[in-house]
C-alpha atoms as a PDB file:
ATOM      1  CA  MET A   1      79.452   0.225 -49.417  1.00  0.00           C
ATOM      2  CA  SER A   2      81.147   1.569 -46.209  1.00  0.00           C
ATOM      3  CA  ASN A   3      79.703   0.735 -42.916  1.00  0.00           C
ATOM      4  CA  GLU A   4      78.726   4.589 -42.334  1.00  0.00           C
ATOM      5  CA  MET A   5      76.537   4.680 -45.622  1.00  0.00           C
ATOM      6  CA  LEU A   6      75.038   1.369 -44.795  1.00  0.00           C
ATOM      7  CA  LEU A   7      74.149   2.848 -41.233  1.00  0.00           C
ATOM      8  CA  ALA A   8      72.842   6.111 -42.703  1.00  0.00           C
ATOM      9  CA  SER A   9      70.841   5.093 -45.349  1.00  0.00           C
ATOM     10  CA  THR A  10      69.073   2.442 -42.756  1.00  0.00           C
ATOM     11  CA  ILE A  11      68.411   5.092 -40.265  1.00  0.00           C
ATOM     12  CA  PHE A  12      67.010   7.157 -43.374  1.00  0.00           C
ATOM     13  CA  VAL A  13      64.655   4.498 -44.339  1.00  0.00           C
ATOM     14  CA  LEU A  14      63.655   3.611 -40.852  1.00  0.00           C
ATOM     15  CA  ILE A  15      62.521   7.445 -40.224  1.00  0.00           C
ATOM     16  CA  GLY A  16      60.827   7.557 -43.327  1.00  0.00           C
ATOM     17  CA  ILE A  17      58.867   4.220 -42.370  1.00  0.00           C
ATOM     18  CA  ILE A  18      58.309   5.869 -38.892  1.00  0.00           C
ATOM     19  CA  LEU A  19      56.366   8.996 -40.565  1.00  0.00           C
ATOM     20  CA  VAL A  20      54.396   7.369 -42.983  1.00  0.00           C
ATOM     21  CA  GLY A  21      52.986   4.929 -40.120  1.00  0.00           C
ATOM     22  CA  VAL A  22      52.227   7.826 -37.728  1.00  0.00           C
ATOM     23  CA  PHE A  23      50.725   9.767 -40.535  1.00  0.00           C
ATOM     24  CA  LEU A  24      48.423   6.503 -41.240  1.00  0.00           C
ATOM     25  CA  LEU A  25      47.701   5.912 -37.525  1.00  0.00           C
ATOM     26  CA  THR A  26      46.786   9.923 -37.217  1.00  0.00           C
ATOM     27  CA  LYS A  27      44.477   9.230 -40.330  1.00  0.00           C
ATOM     28  CA  SER A  28      42.590   6.331 -39.066  1.00  0.00           C
ATOM     29  CA  LEU A  29      42.595   6.835 -35.305  1.00  0.00           C
ATOM     30  CA  GLY A  30      41.733  10.646 -35.433  1.00  0.00           C
ATOM     31  CA  PRO A  31      38.347  12.109 -35.709  1.00  0.00           C
ATOM     32  CA  ASN A  32      36.727  12.118 -38.971  1.00  0.00           C
ATOM     33  CA  ASN A  33      33.816  14.561 -38.620  1.00  0.00           C
ATOM     34  CA  THR A  34      33.027  15.930 -42.271  1.00  0.00           C
ATOM     35  CA  GLN A  35      29.548  16.473 -41.604  1.00  0.00           C
ATOM     36  CA  ASP A  36      29.849  19.754 -39.098  1.00  0.00           C
ATOM     37  CA  LYS A  37      29.700  22.973 -41.415  1.00  0.00           C
ATOM     38  CA  ASN A  38      31.118  25.041 -38.676  1.00  0.00           C
ATOM     39  CA  LYS A  39      34.520  23.091 -38.814  1.00  0.00           C
ATOM     40  CA  ASN A  40      35.067  23.946 -42.648  1.00  0.00           C
ATOM     41  CA  MET A  41      33.813  27.641 -42.384  1.00  0.00           C
ATOM     42  CA  VAL A  42      36.155  30.382 -43.027  1.00  0.00           C
ATOM     43  CA  TYR A  43      37.205  32.014 -40.186  1.00  0.00           C
ATOM     44  CA  GLU A  44      39.811  35.084 -40.312  1.00  0.00           C
ATOM     45  CA  SER A  45      40.221  37.933 -37.873  1.00  0.00           C
ATOM     46  CA  GLY A  46      37.010  37.703 -36.356  1.00  0.00           C
ATOM     47  CA  VAL A  47      35.092  37.866 -39.316  1.00  0.00           C
ATOM     48  CA  SER A  48      33.226  34.737 -40.385  1.00  0.00           C
ATOM     49  CA  LYS A  49      31.647  35.951 -43.328  1.00  0.00           C
ATOM     50  CA  PRO A  50      34.173  37.226 -45.859  1.00  0.00           C
ATOM     51  CA  ILE A  51      33.753  40.276 -48.062  1.00  0.00           C
ATOM     52  CA  GLY A  52      34.843  39.558 -51.774  1.00  0.00           C
ATOM     53  CA  GLY A  53      36.369  36.793 -53.339  1.00  0.00           C
ATOM     54  CA  THR A  54      39.521  35.206 -52.770  1.00  0.00           C
ATOM     55  CA  LYS A  55      41.015  35.535 -56.162  1.00  0.00           C
ATOM     56  CA  ILE A  56      42.012  39.302 -55.762  1.00  0.00           C
ATOM     57  CA  LYS A  57      44.919  40.439 -57.649  1.00  0.00           C
ATOM     58  CA  PHE A  58      47.423  42.177 -56.193  1.00  0.00           C
ATOM     59  CA  SER A  59      49.125  45.499 -57.644  1.00  0.00           C
ATOM     60  CA  VAL A  60      52.661  44.668 -59.013  1.00  0.00           C
ATOM     61  CA  LYS A  61      53.795  47.723 -57.031  1.00  0.00           C
ATOM     62  CA  PHE A  62      53.851  45.357 -53.987  1.00  0.00           C
ATOM     63  CA  TYR A  63      56.239  43.075 -55.313  1.00  0.00           C
ATOM     64  CA  LEU A  64      58.135  45.706 -56.709  1.00  0.00           C
ATOM     65  CA  VAL A  65      58.606  47.385 -52.997  1.00  0.00           C
ATOM     66  CA  ALA A  66      59.281  44.158 -51.360  1.00  0.00           C
ATOM     67  CA  ILE A  67      62.068  43.297 -54.039  1.00  0.00           C
ATOM     68  CA  LEU A  68      63.234  46.797 -53.689  1.00  0.00           C
ATOM     69  CA  PHE A  69      63.290  46.299 -50.103  1.00  0.00           C
ATOM     70  CA  VAL A  70      65.460  43.117 -50.015  1.00  0.00           C
ATOM     71  CA  ILE A  71      67.765  44.094 -52.365  1.00  0.00           C
ATOM     72  CA  PHE A  72      68.745  47.216 -50.484  1.00  0.00           C
ATOM     73  CA  ASP A  73      68.391  45.321 -47.264  1.00  0.00           C
ATOM     74  CA  VAL A  74      71.316  43.208 -48.437  1.00  0.00           C
ATOM     75  CA  GLU A  75      73.395  46.191 -48.149  1.00  0.00           C
ATOM     76  CA  MET A  76      73.420  46.240 -44.794  1.00  0.00           C
ATOM     77  CA  ILE A  77      75.005  42.397 -44.892  1.00  0.00           C
ATOM     78  CA  PHE A  78      78.132  43.950 -46.773  1.00  0.00           C
ATOM     79  CA  LEU A  79      78.061  47.076 -44.386  1.00  0.00           C
ATOM     80  CA  PHE A  80      78.529  45.286 -41.219  1.00  0.00           C
ATOM     81  CA  PRO A  81      81.929  43.088 -41.967  1.00  0.00           C
ATOM     82  CA  TRP A  82      83.542  46.133 -43.728  1.00  0.00           C
ATOM     83  CA  ALA A  83      82.570  48.326 -40.459  1.00  0.00           C
ATOM     84  CA  VAL A  84      84.334  45.741 -38.253  1.00  0.00           C
ATOM     85  CA  ASN A  85      87.307  45.842 -40.513  1.00  0.00           C
ATOM     86  CA  VAL A  86      87.455  49.649 -41.380  1.00  0.00           C
ATOM     87  CA  VAL A  87      91.032  49.832 -39.658  1.00  0.00           C
ATOM     88  CA  LYS A  88      92.334  46.980 -41.425  1.00  0.00           C
ATOM     89  CA  LEU A  89      91.214  47.671 -44.703  1.00  0.00           C
ATOM     90  CA  GLY A  90      92.730  50.825 -44.892  1.00  0.00           C
ATOM     91  CA  THR A  91      92.035  53.822 -47.468  1.00  0.00           C
ATOM     92  CA  PHE A  92      91.608  51.090 -49.836  1.00  0.00           C
ATOM     93  CA  GLY A  93      88.885  49.519 -47.845  1.00  0.00           C
ATOM     94  CA  LEU A  94      87.155  53.123 -47.660  1.00  0.00           C
ATOM     95  CA  TYR A  95      87.489  53.910 -51.322  1.00  0.00           C
ATOM     96  CA  GLU A  96      85.895  50.211 -52.265  1.00  0.00           C
ATOM     97  CA  MET A  97      82.978  50.848 -49.737  1.00  0.00           C
ATOM     98  CA  PHE A  98      82.458  54.466 -51.407  1.00  0.00           C
ATOM     99  CA  THR A  99      82.431  52.850 -54.667  1.00  0.00           C
ATOM    100  CA  PHE A 100      79.831  50.206 -53.604  1.00  0.00           C
ATOM    101  CA  MET A 101      77.722  53.239 -52.179  1.00  0.00           C
ATOM    102  CA  ALA A 102      77.761  54.988 -55.125  1.00  0.00           C
ATOM    103  CA  LEU A 103      76.526  52.248 -56.956  1.00  0.00           C
ATOM    104  CA  LEU A 104      73.635  51.622 -54.560  1.00  0.00           C
ATOM    105  CA  PHE A 105      72.571  55.215 -54.692  1.00  0.00           C
ATOM    106  CA  ALA A 106      72.913  55.086 -58.449  1.00  0.00           C
ATOM    107  CA  GLY A 107      70.247  52.481 -58.345  1.00  0.00           C
ATOM    108  CA  LEU A 108      68.051  54.553 -55.793  1.00  0.00           C
ATOM    109  CA  ILE A 109      68.219  57.277 -58.177  1.00  0.00           C
ATOM    110  CA  PHE A 110      67.272  55.185 -61.213  1.00  0.00           C
ATOM    111  CA  ILE A 111      64.247  53.632 -59.397  1.00  0.00           C
ATOM    112  CA  TYR A 112      63.097  57.270 -58.218  1.00  0.00           C
ATOM    113  CA  LYS A 113      63.312  58.437 -61.855  1.00  0.00           C
ATOM    114  CA  LYS A 114      61.378  55.722 -63.001  1.00  0.00           C
ATOM    115  CA  GLU A 115      59.004  56.472 -60.497  1.00  0.00           C
ATOM    116  CA  ALA A 116      59.184  52.902 -59.272  1.00  0.00           C
ATOM    117  CA  LEU A 117      57.856  54.015 -55.882  1.00  0.00           C
ATOM    118  CA  SER A 118      55.334  56.252 -56.457  1.00  0.00           C
ATOM    119  CA  TRP A 119      51.551  54.935 -55.336  1.00  0.00           C
ATOM    120  CA  ASP A 120      48.796  56.589 -57.763  1.00  0.00           C
END
């Protein structure tokens, strides 16, 4: 084993031991007041007595909109480098980006036809 690997593994083990030690010291030295009911009460946005349960199922449309947002937002990641190098890429780069944009537009039309973004 090389000296670098020995040093790296020693540092890794020491960091692990220090972290475990800090967590154990915090647990043993810190306050442990489990009798206080106010400490364990739910408090969110100024409401101390929540309305309804916590096992509410969200509609799939929320996740669908989020995934579609991510997909069409990643488009911007590909557009910025192209915009910076548009002169260097020339005509072929222009046609390539039009093809990319046409594919994304076709996907958007498909999503619109499937009524994936309609809220009933």
